[in-house]
Each structure stands twice: as C-alpha cells, then as structure tokens.
Amino acid sequence: MRFVVGVGGIVVLYLFGAALVRNFAASIPDAGESEPPALADVDYRFRCVVCGVEVVMYAAPDGEIPIPPRHCAERMELIAPIDG
C-alpha cells in the first residue's frame, strides 16, 4: 500500500511540474509580435531639483522628448538638451 501511495505522489508531482514548465514556455512572447521603438541618439541632461544630482540620457524614442526620471520623489528638470 505504501508503494502505491508513493508512486501516486511521484506521478502527481511530475504532472504538476510538467504543467508549470509548460506554462512558462507558453508565456514567452513571439519574436515577431511587436518591434521595439526606434531609438535616436540624444544628449539630454536632467538635474534633481532637491539634491542636485545629474543624469545624462544618450538614447530616447525617435522624435520624442522623454518623461524626466524621478529622484528624491520629484521629477528632474531638463537642463541641457543638445541638438546635433
């Protein structure tokens, strides 16, 4: 009786693990679904209004000024957009 219960437990664990792996494989998106946005070379400089830390952004979506990042829970200010 113990042998049958043990084998049954092993089969249940195997089926559970196989279903889990199958779900992981199904959640991977197809490579052709959507293309990432085109990036343009930029030189945006942002400064935190609270502490003064600066961030430089070298790539952004083509034709868009990106939303400023947050630092010290506040939006940073765009200080030096360089058009080139």
PDB file of N, CA and C in Angstrom:
ATOM      1  N   MET A   1       0.824  -1.193   0.000  1.00  0.00           N
ATOM      2  CA  MET A   1       0.000   0.000   0.000  1.00  0.00           C
ATOM      3  C   MET A   1       0.870   1.259   0.000  1.00  0.00           C
ATOM      4  N   ARG A   2       1.946   1.274   0.788  1.00  0.00           N
ATOM      5  CA  ARG A   2       2.825   2.433   0.826  1.00  0.00           C
ATOM      6  C   ARG A   2       3.471   2.682  -0.531  1.00  0.00           C
ATOM      7  N   PHE A   3       3.812   1.605  -1.210  1.00  0.00           N
ATOM      8  CA  PHE A   3       4.426   1.722  -2.531  1.00  0.00           C
ATOM      9  C   PHE A   3       3.483   2.406  -3.510  1.00  0.00           C
ATOM     10  N   VAL A   4       2.230   2.030  -3.523  1.00  0.00           N
ATOM     11  CA  VAL A   4       1.236   2.615  -4.437  1.00  0.00           C
ATOM     12  C   VAL A   4       1.037   4.093  -4.125  1.00  0.00           C
ATOM     13  N   VAL A   5       0.950   4.439  -2.849  1.00  0.00           N
ATOM     14  CA  VAL A   5       0.799   5.841  -2.453  1.00  0.00           C
ATOM     15  C   VAL A   5       2.039   6.644  -2.852  1.00  0.00           C
ATOM     16  N   GLY A   6       3.211   6.095  -2.685  1.00  0.00           N
ATOM     17  CA  GLY A   6       4.459   6.765  -3.067  1.00  0.00           C
ATOM     18  C   GLY A   6       4.537   7.016  -4.556  1.00  0.00           C
ATOM     19  N   VAL A   7       4.209   5.993  -5.353  1.00  0.00           N
ATOM     20  CA  VAL A   7       4.230   6.132  -6.813  1.00  0.00           C
ATOM     21  C   VAL A   7       3.176   7.155  -7.251  1.00  0.00           C
ATOM     22  N   GLY A   8       2.009   7.112  -6.615  1.00  0.00           N
ATOM     23  CA  GLY A   8       0.963   8.091  -6.941  1.00  0.00           C
ATOM     24  C   GLY A   8       1.410   9.515  -6.628  1.00  0.00           C
ATOM     25  N   GLY A   9       2.100   9.703  -5.518  1.00  0.00           N
ATOM     26  CA  GLY A   9       2.614  11.027  -5.162  1.00  0.00           C
ATOM     27  C   GLY A   9       3.658  11.515  -6.149  1.00  0.00           C
ATOM     28  N   ILE A  10       4.517  10.600  -6.572  1.00  0.00           N
ATOM     29  CA  ILE A  10       5.535  10.965  -7.562  1.00  0.00           C
ATOM     30  C   ILE A  10       4.888  11.369  -8.875  1.00  0.00           C
ATOM     31  N   VAL A  11       3.862  10.645  -9.312  1.00  0.00           N
ATOM     32  CA  VAL A  11       3.167  10.964 -10.567  1.00  0.00           C
ATOM     33  C   VAL A  11       2.490  12.336 -10.455  1.00  0.00           C
ATOM     34  N   VAL A  12       1.854  12.606  -9.325  1.00  0.00           N
ATOM     35  CA  VAL A  12       1.195  13.904  -9.136  1.00  0.00           C
ATOM     36  C   VAL A  12       2.220  15.031  -9.170  1.00  0.00           C
ATOM     37  N   LEU A  13       3.342  14.865  -8.481  1.00  0.00           N
ATOM     38  CA  LEU A  13       4.386  15.892  -8.502  1.00  0.00           C
ATOM     39  C   LEU A  13       4.951  16.095  -9.903  1.00  0.00           C
ATOM     40  N   TYR A  14       5.144  15.014 -10.635  1.00  0.00           N
ATOM     41  CA  TYR A  14       5.643  15.120 -12.004  1.00  0.00           C
ATOM     42  C   TYR A  14       4.667  15.888 -12.887  1.00  0.00           C
ATOM     43  N   LEU A  15       3.379  15.551 -12.800  1.00  0.00           N
ATOM     44  CA  LEU A  15       2.380  16.241 -13.623  1.00  0.00           C
ATOM     45  C   LEU A  15       2.296  17.729 -13.258  1.00  0.00           C
ATOM     46  N   PHE A  16       2.386  18.047 -11.970  1.00  0.00           N
ATOM     47  CA  PHE A  16       2.369  19.439 -11.537  1.00  0.00           C
ATOM     48  C   PHE A  16       3.582  20.191 -12.094  1.00  0.00           C
ATOM     49  N   GLY A  17       4.760  19.599 -12.002  1.00  0.00           N
ATOM     50  CA  GLY A  17       5.973  20.229 -12.527  1.00  0.00           C
ATOM     51  C   GLY A  17       5.933  20.397 -14.036  1.00  0.00           C
ATOM     52  N   ALA A  18       5.426  19.396 -14.751  1.00  0.00           N
ATOM     53  CA  ALA A  18       5.331  19.491 -16.209  1.00  0.00           C
ATOM     54  C   ALA A  18       4.368  20.597 -16.622  1.00  0.00           C
ATOM     55  N   ALA A  19       3.248  20.733 -15.910  1.00  0.00           N
ATOM     56  CA  ALA A  19       2.293  21.801 -16.217  1.00  0.00           C
ATOM     57  C   ALA A  19       2.910  23.168 -15.938  1.00  0.00           C
ATOM     58  N   LEU A  20       3.688  23.276 -14.877  1.00  0.00           N
ATOM     59  CA  LEU A  20       4.341  24.534 -14.540  1.00  0.00           C
ATOM     60  C   LEU A  20       5.337  24.935 -15.620  1.00  0.00           C
ATOM     61  N   VAL A  21       6.149  24.001 -16.079  1.00  0.00           N
ATOM     62  CA  VAL A  21       7.120  24.280 -17.143  1.00  0.00           C
ATOM     63  C   VAL A  21       6.408  24.635 -18.439  1.00  0.00           C
ATOM     64  N   ARG A  22       5.310  23.959 -18.746  1.00  0.00           N
ATOM     65  CA  ARG A  22       4.540  24.258 -19.953  1.00  0.00           C
ATOM     66  C   ARG A  22       3.988  25.679 -19.906  1.00  0.00           C
ATOM     67  N   ASN A  23       3.526  26.124 -18.750  1.00  0.00           N
ATOM     68  CA  ASN A  23       3.011  27.489 -18.619  1.00  0.00           C
ATOM     69  C   ASN A  23       4.117  28.516 -18.796  1.00  0.00           C
ATOM     70  N   PHE A  24       5.327  28.237 -18.299  1.00  0.00           N
ATOM     71  CA  PHE A  24       6.437  29.155 -18.509  1.00  0.00           C
ATOM     72  C   PHE A  24       6.760  29.274 -19.988  1.00  0.00           C
ATOM     73  N   ALA A  25       6.768  28.180 -20.704  1.00  0.00           N
ATOM     74  CA  ALA A  25       7.085  28.195 -22.124  1.00  0.00           C
ATOM     75  C   ALA A  25       5.999  28.910 -22.918  1.00  0.00           C
ATOM     76  N   ALA A  26       4.748  28.838 -22.481  1.00  0.00           N
ATOM     77  CA  ALA A  26       3.656  29.488 -23.205  1.00  0.00           C
ATOM     78  C   ALA A  26       3.655  30.994 -22.991  1.00  0.00           C
ATOM     79  N   SER A  27       4.272  31.488 -21.920  1.00  0.00           N
ATOM     80  CA  SER A  27       4.242  32.914 -21.642  1.00  0.00           C
ATOM     81  C   SER A  27       5.346  33.692 -22.350  1.00  0.00           C
ATOM     82  N   ILE A  28       6.247  33.029 -23.054  1.00  0.00           N
ATOM     83  CA  ILE A  28       7.310  33.712 -23.788  1.00  0.00           C
ATOM     84  C   ILE A  28       6.699  34.323 -25.041  1.00  0.00           C
ATOM     85  N   PRO A  29       6.829  35.645 -25.242  1.00  0.00           N
ATOM     86  CA  PRO A  29       6.233  36.284 -26.421  1.00  0.00           C
ATOM     87  C   PRO A  29       6.968  35.873 -27.692  1.00  0.00           C
ATOM     88  N   ASP A  30       6.240  35.876 -28.794  1.00  0.00           N
ATOM     89  CA  ASP A  30       6.845  35.578 -30.087  1.00  0.00           C
ATOM     90  C   ASP A  30       7.777  36.714 -30.491  1.00  0.00           C
ATOM     91  N   ALA A  31       8.827  36.381 -31.207  1.00  0.00           N
ATOM     92  CA  ALA A  31       9.798  37.394 -31.615  1.00  0.00           C
ATOM     93  C   ALA A  31       9.197  38.374 -32.623  1.00  0.00           C
ATOM     94  N   GLY A  32       8.213  37.956 -33.408  1.00  0.00           N
ATOM     95  CA  GLY A  32       7.646  38.805 -34.438  1.00  0.00           C
ATOM     96  C   GLY A  32       6.416  39.581 -34.007  1.00  0.00           C
ATOM     97  N   GLU A  33       6.023  39.503 -32.741  1.00  0.00           N
ATOM     98  CA  GLU A  33       4.803  40.163 -32.297  1.00  0.00           C
ATOM     99  C   GLU A  33       4.871  41.673 -32.455  1.00  0.00           C
ATOM    100  N   SER A  34       5.847  42.306 -31.846  1.00  0.00           N
ATOM    101  CA  SER A  34       5.970  43.756 -31.953  1.00  0.00           C
ATOM    102  C   SER A  34       7.436  44.124 -31.975  1.00  0.00           C
ATOM    103  N   GLU A  35       7.717  45.191 -32.689  1.00  0.00           N
ATOM    104  CA  GLU A  35       9.090  45.635 -32.778  1.00  0.00           C
ATOM    105  C   GLU A  35       9.325  46.729 -31.742  1.00  0.00           C
ATOM    106  N   PRO A  36      10.489  46.776 -31.144  1.00  0.00           N
ATOM    107  CA  PRO A  36      10.773  47.852 -30.191  1.00  0.00           C
ATOM    108  C   PRO A  36      10.824  49.192 -30.914  1.00  0.00           C
ATOM    109  N   PRO A  37      10.520  50.277 -30.227  1.00  0.00           N
ATOM    110  CA  PRO A  37      10.539  51.579 -30.895  1.00  0.00           C
ATOM    111  C   PRO A  37      11.950  51.948 -31.339  1.00  0.00           C
ATOM    112  N   ALA A  38      12.023  52.697 -32.415  1.00  0.00           N
ATOM    113  CA  ALA A  38      13.320  53.144 -32.916  1.00  0.00           C
ATOM    114  C   ALA A  38      13.898  54.165 -31.950  1.00  0.00           C
ATOM    115  N   LEU A  39      15.179  54.021 -31.648  1.00  0.00           N
ATOM    116  CA  LEU A  39      15.838  54.939 -30.727  1.00  0.00           C
ATOM    117  C   LEU A  39      16.725  55.896 -31.500  1.00  0.00           C
ATOM    118  N   ALA A  40      16.762  57.133 -31.041  1.00  0.00           N
ATOM    119  CA  ALA A  40      17.615  58.151 -31.642  1.00  0.00           C
ATOM    120  C   ALA A  40      18.712  58.519 -30.652  1.00  0.00           C
ATOM    121  N   ASP A  41      19.861  58.921 -31.186  1.00  0.00           N
ATOM    122  CA  ASP A  41      20.942  59.396 -30.329  1.00  0.00           C
ATOM    123  C   ASP A  41      20.580  60.798 -29.838  1.00  0.00           C
ATOM    124  N   VAL A  42      20.579  60.984 -28.532  1.00  0.00           N
ATOM    125  CA  VAL A  42      20.261  62.278 -27.925  1.00  0.00           C
ATOM    126  C   VAL A  42      21.281  62.580 -26.834  1.00  0.00           C
ATOM    127  N   ASP A  43      21.241  63.774 -26.323  1.00  0.00           N
ATOM    128  CA  ASP A  43      22.078  64.154 -25.198  1.00  0.00           C
ATOM    129  C   ASP A  43      21.252  65.047 -24.285  1.00  0.00           C
ATOM    130  N   TYR A  44      20.368  64.425 -23.516  1.00  0.00           N
ATOM    131  CA  TYR A  44      19.519  65.154 -22.576  1.00  0.00           C
ATOM    132  C   TYR A  44      20.157  65.069 -21.193  1.00  0.00           C
ATOM    133  N   ARG A  45      20.193  66.197 -20.517  1.00  0.00           N
ATOM    134  CA  ARG A  45      20.747  66.240 -19.161  1.00  0.00           C
ATOM    135  C   ARG A  45      19.645  66.693 -18.221  1.00  0.00           C
ATOM    136  N   PHE A  46      19.472  65.927 -17.159  1.00  0.00           N
ATOM    137  CA  PHE A  46      18.443  66.209 -16.163  1.00  0.00           C
ATOM    138  C   PHE A  46      19.115  66.469 -14.819  1.00  0.00           C
ATOM    139  N   ARG A  47      18.534  67.382 -14.021  1.00  0.00           N
ATOM    140  CA  ARG A  47      19.056  67.683 -12.685  1.00  0.00           C
ATOM    141  C   ARG A  47      17.920  67.580 -11.675  1.00  0.00           C
ATOM    142  N   CYS A  48      18.218  66.950 -10.522  1.00  0.00           N
ATOM    143  CA  CYS A  48      17.253  66.840  -9.436  1.00  0.00           C
ATOM    144  C   CYS A  48      17.105  68.204  -8.781  1.00  0.00           C
ATOM    145  N   VAL A  49      15.864  68.658  -8.604  1.00  0.00           N
ATOM    146  CA  VAL A  49      15.629  69.971  -8.007  1.00  0.00           C
ATOM    147  C   VAL A  49      15.856  69.954  -6.503  1.00  0.00           C
ATOM    148  N   VAL A  50      15.908  68.781  -5.884  1.00  0.00           N
ATOM    149  CA  VAL A  50      16.063  68.685  -4.437  1.00  0.00           C
ATOM    150  C   VAL A  50      17.544  68.600  -4.053  1.00  0.00           C
ATOM    151  N   CYS A  51      18.267  67.635  -4.638  1.00  0.00           N
ATOM    152  CA  CYS A  51      19.644  67.404  -4.188  1.00  0.00           C
ATOM    153  C   CYS A  51      20.706  67.780  -5.216  1.00  0.00           C
ATOM    154  N   GLY A  52      20.317  68.020  -6.470  1.00  0.00           N
ATOM    155  CA  GLY A  52      21.269  68.462  -7.479  1.00  0.00           C
ATOM    156  C   GLY A  52      21.971  67.374  -8.267  1.00  0.00           C
ATOM    157  N   VAL A  53      21.615  66.118  -8.066  1.00  0.00           N
ATOM    158  CA  VAL A  53      22.252  65.046  -8.827  1.00  0.00           C
ATOM    159  C   VAL A  53      21.862  65.189 -10.302  1.00  0.00           C
ATOM    160  N   GLU A  54      22.785  64.852 -11.205  1.00  0.00           N
ATOM    161  CA  GLU A  54      22.542  64.984 -12.636  1.00  0.00           C
ATOM    162  C   GLU A  54      22.543  63.621 -13.316  1.00  0.00           C
ATOM    163  N   VAL A  55      21.709  63.503 -14.355  1.00  0.00           N
ATOM    164  CA  VAL A  55      21.602  62.281 -15.153  1.00  0.00           C
ATOM    165  C   VAL A  55      21.719  62.670 -16.614  1.00  0.00           C
ATOM    166  N   VAL A  56      22.465  61.882 -17.385  1.00  0.00           N
ATOM    167  CA  VAL A  56      22.602  62.122 -18.817  1.00  0.00           C
ATOM    168  C   VAL A  56      21.928  60.973 -19.547  1.00  0.00           C
ATOM    169  N   MET A  57      21.075  61.294 -20.527  1.00  0.00           N
ATOM    170  CA  MET A  57      20.379  60.277 -21.319  1.00  0.00           C
ATOM    171  C   MET A  57      20.927  60.346 -22.743  1.00  0.00           C
ATOM    172  N   TYR A  58      21.414  59.223 -23.245  1.00  0.00           N
ATOM    173  CA  TYR A  58      22.036  59.186 -24.563  1.00  0.00           C
ATOM    174  C   TYR A  58      21.160  58.579 -25.646  1.00  0.00           C
ATOM    175  N   ALA A  59      20.047  57.948 -25.307  1.00  0.00           N
ATOM    176  CA  ALA A  59      19.144  57.364 -26.291  1.00  0.00           C
ATOM    177  C   ALA A  59      17.716  57.568 -25.822  1.00  0.00           C
ATOM    178  N   ALA A  60      16.830  57.876 -26.774  1.00  0.00           N
ATOM    179  CA  ALA A  60      15.418  58.093 -26.464  1.00  0.00           C
ATOM    180  C   ALA A  60      14.606  57.695 -27.691  1.00  0.00           C
ATOM    181  N   PRO A  61      13.303  57.419 -27.521  1.00  0.00           N
ATOM    182  CA  PRO A  61      12.474  57.115 -28.686  1.00  0.00           C
ATOM    183  C   PRO A  61      12.554  58.240 -29.717  1.00  0.00           C
ATOM    184  N   ASP A  62      12.633  57.857 -30.964  1.00  0.00           N
ATOM    185  CA  ASP A  62      12.815  58.810 -32.050  1.00  0.00           C
ATOM    186  C   ASP A  62      11.675  59.823 -32.106  1.00  0.00           C
ATOM    187  N   GLY A  63      12.002  61.106 -32.083  1.00  0.00           N
ATOM    188  CA  GLY A  63      11.023  62.166 -32.214  1.00  0.00           C
ATOM    189  C   GLY A  63      10.297  62.534 -30.933  1.00  0.00           C
ATOM    190  N   GLU A  64      10.698  62.014 -29.807  1.00  0.00           N
ATOM    191  CA  GLU A  64      10.015  62.298 -28.542  1.00  0.00           C
ATOM    192  C   GLU A  64      11.006  62.780 -27.500  1.00  0.00           C
ATOM    193  N   ILE A  65      10.593  63.774 -26.721  1.00  0.00           N
ATOM    194  CA  ILE A  65      11.369  64.143 -25.540  1.00  0.00           C
ATOM    195  C   ILE A  65      10.862  63.252 -24.416  1.00  0.00           C
ATOM    196  N   PRO A  66      11.740  62.475 -23.796  1.00  0.00           N
ATOM    197  CA  PRO A  66      11.287  61.506 -22.789  1.00  0.00           C
ATOM    198  C   PRO A  66      10.775  62.186 -21.520  1.00  0.00           C
ATOM    199  N   ILE A  67       9.964  61.460 -20.781  1.00  0.00           N
ATOM    200  CA  ILE A  67       9.492  61.929 -19.485  1.00  0.00           C
ATOM    201  C   ILE A  67      10.701  61.957 -18.548  1.00  0.00           C
ATOM    202  N   PRO A  68      10.904  63.054 -17.832  1.00  0.00           N
ATOM    203  CA  PRO A  68      12.068  63.128 -16.937  1.00  0.00           C
ATOM    204  C   PRO A  68      12.009  62.049 -15.854  1.00  0.00           C
ATOM    205  N   PRO A  69      13.175  61.496 -15.496  1.00  0.00           N
ATOM    206  CA  PRO A  69      13.196  60.495 -14.426  1.00  0.00           C
ATOM    207  C   PRO A  69      12.904  61.150 -13.081  1.00  0.00           C
ATOM    208  N   ARG A  70      12.626  60.325 -12.084  1.00  0.00           N
ATOM    209  CA  ARG A  70      12.372  60.817 -10.725  1.00  0.00           C
ATOM    210  C   ARG A  70      13.606  60.587  -9.862  1.00  0.00           C
ATOM    211  N   HIS A  71      13.843  61.537  -8.974  1.00  0.00           N
ATOM    212  CA  HIS A  71      14.889  61.398  -7.966  1.00  0.00           C
ATOM    213  C   HIS A  71      14.423  62.188  -6.760  1.00  0.00           C
ATOM    214  N   CYS A  72      14.635  61.696  -5.586  1.00  0.00           N
ATOM    215  CA  CYS A  72      14.141  62.319  -4.344  1.00  0.00           C
ATOM    216  C   CYS A  72      12.629  62.521  -4.414  1.00  0.00           C
ATOM    217  N   ALA A  73      11.923  61.607  -5.080  1.00  0.00           N
ATOM    218  CA  ALA A  73      10.464  61.595  -5.227  1.00  0.00           C
ATOM    219  C   ALA A  73       9.934  62.772  -6.034  1.00  0.00           C
ATOM    220  N   GLU A  74      10.788  63.479  -6.759  1.00  0.00           N
ATOM    221  CA  GLU A  74      10.371  64.602  -7.608  1.00  0.00           C
ATOM    222  C   GLU A  74      10.886  64.377  -9.025  1.00  0.00           C
ATOM    223  N   ARG A  75      10.184  64.926 -10.003  1.00  0.00           N
ATOM    224  CA  ARG A  75      10.660  64.865 -11.383  1.00  0.00           C
ATOM    225  C   ARG A  75      11.891  65.745 -11.530  1.00  0.00           C
ATOM    226  N   MET A  76      12.848  65.267 -12.310  1.00  0.00           N
ATOM    227  CA  MET A  76      14.056  66.044 -12.555  1.00  0.00           C
ATOM    228  C   MET A  76      13.767  67.079 -13.639  1.00  0.00           C
ATOM    229  N   GLU A  77      14.575  68.145 -13.698  1.00  0.00           N
ATOM    230  CA  GLU A  77      14.408  69.196 -14.692  1.00  0.00           C
ATOM    231  C   GLU A  77      15.373  68.959 -15.841  1.00  0.00           C
ATOM    232  N   LEU A  78      14.897  69.207 -17.061  1.00  0.00           N
ATOM    233  CA  LEU A  78      15.735  69.138 -18.250  1.00  0.00           C
ATOM    234  C   LEU A  78      16.590  70.399 -18.260  1.00  0.00           C
ATOM    235  N   ILE A  79      17.929  70.247 -18.215  1.00  0.00           N
ATOM    236  CA  ILE A  79      18.783  71.423 -18.118  1.00  0.00           C
ATOM    237  C   ILE A  79      19.570  71.714 -19.379  1.00  0.00           C
ATOM    238  N   ALA A  80      19.876  70.709 -20.190  1.00  0.00           N
ATOM    239  CA  ALA A  80      20.722  70.975 -21.341  1.00  0.00           C
ATOM    240  C   ALA A  80      20.427  70.036 -22.497  1.00  0.00           C
ATOM    241  N   PRO A  81      19.341  70.282 -23.242  1.00  0.00           N
ATOM    242  CA  PRO A  81      19.155  69.472 -24.452  1.00  0.00           C
ATOM    243  C   PRO A  81      20.121  69.956 -25.520  1.00  0.00           C
ATOM    244  N   ILE A  82      20.886  69.050 -26.074  1.00  0.00           N
ATOM    245  CA  ILE A  82      21.859  69.421 -27.101  1.00  0.00           C
ATOM    246  C   ILE A  82      21.374  68.841 -28.412  1.00  0.00           C
ATOM    247  N   ASP A  83      21.009  69.704 -29.359  1.00  0.00           N
ATOM    248  CA  ASP A  83      20.583  69.257 -30.678  1.00  0.00           C
ATOM    249  C   ASP A  83      21.813  69.130 -31.546  1.00  0.00           C
ATOM    250  N   GLY A  84      21.890  68.002 -32.227  1.00  0.00           N
ATOM    251  CA  GLY A  84      23.098  67.833 -33.007  1.00  0.00           C
ATOM    252  C   GLY A  84      22.820  67.290 -34.298  1.00  0.00           C
TER     253      GLY A  84
END
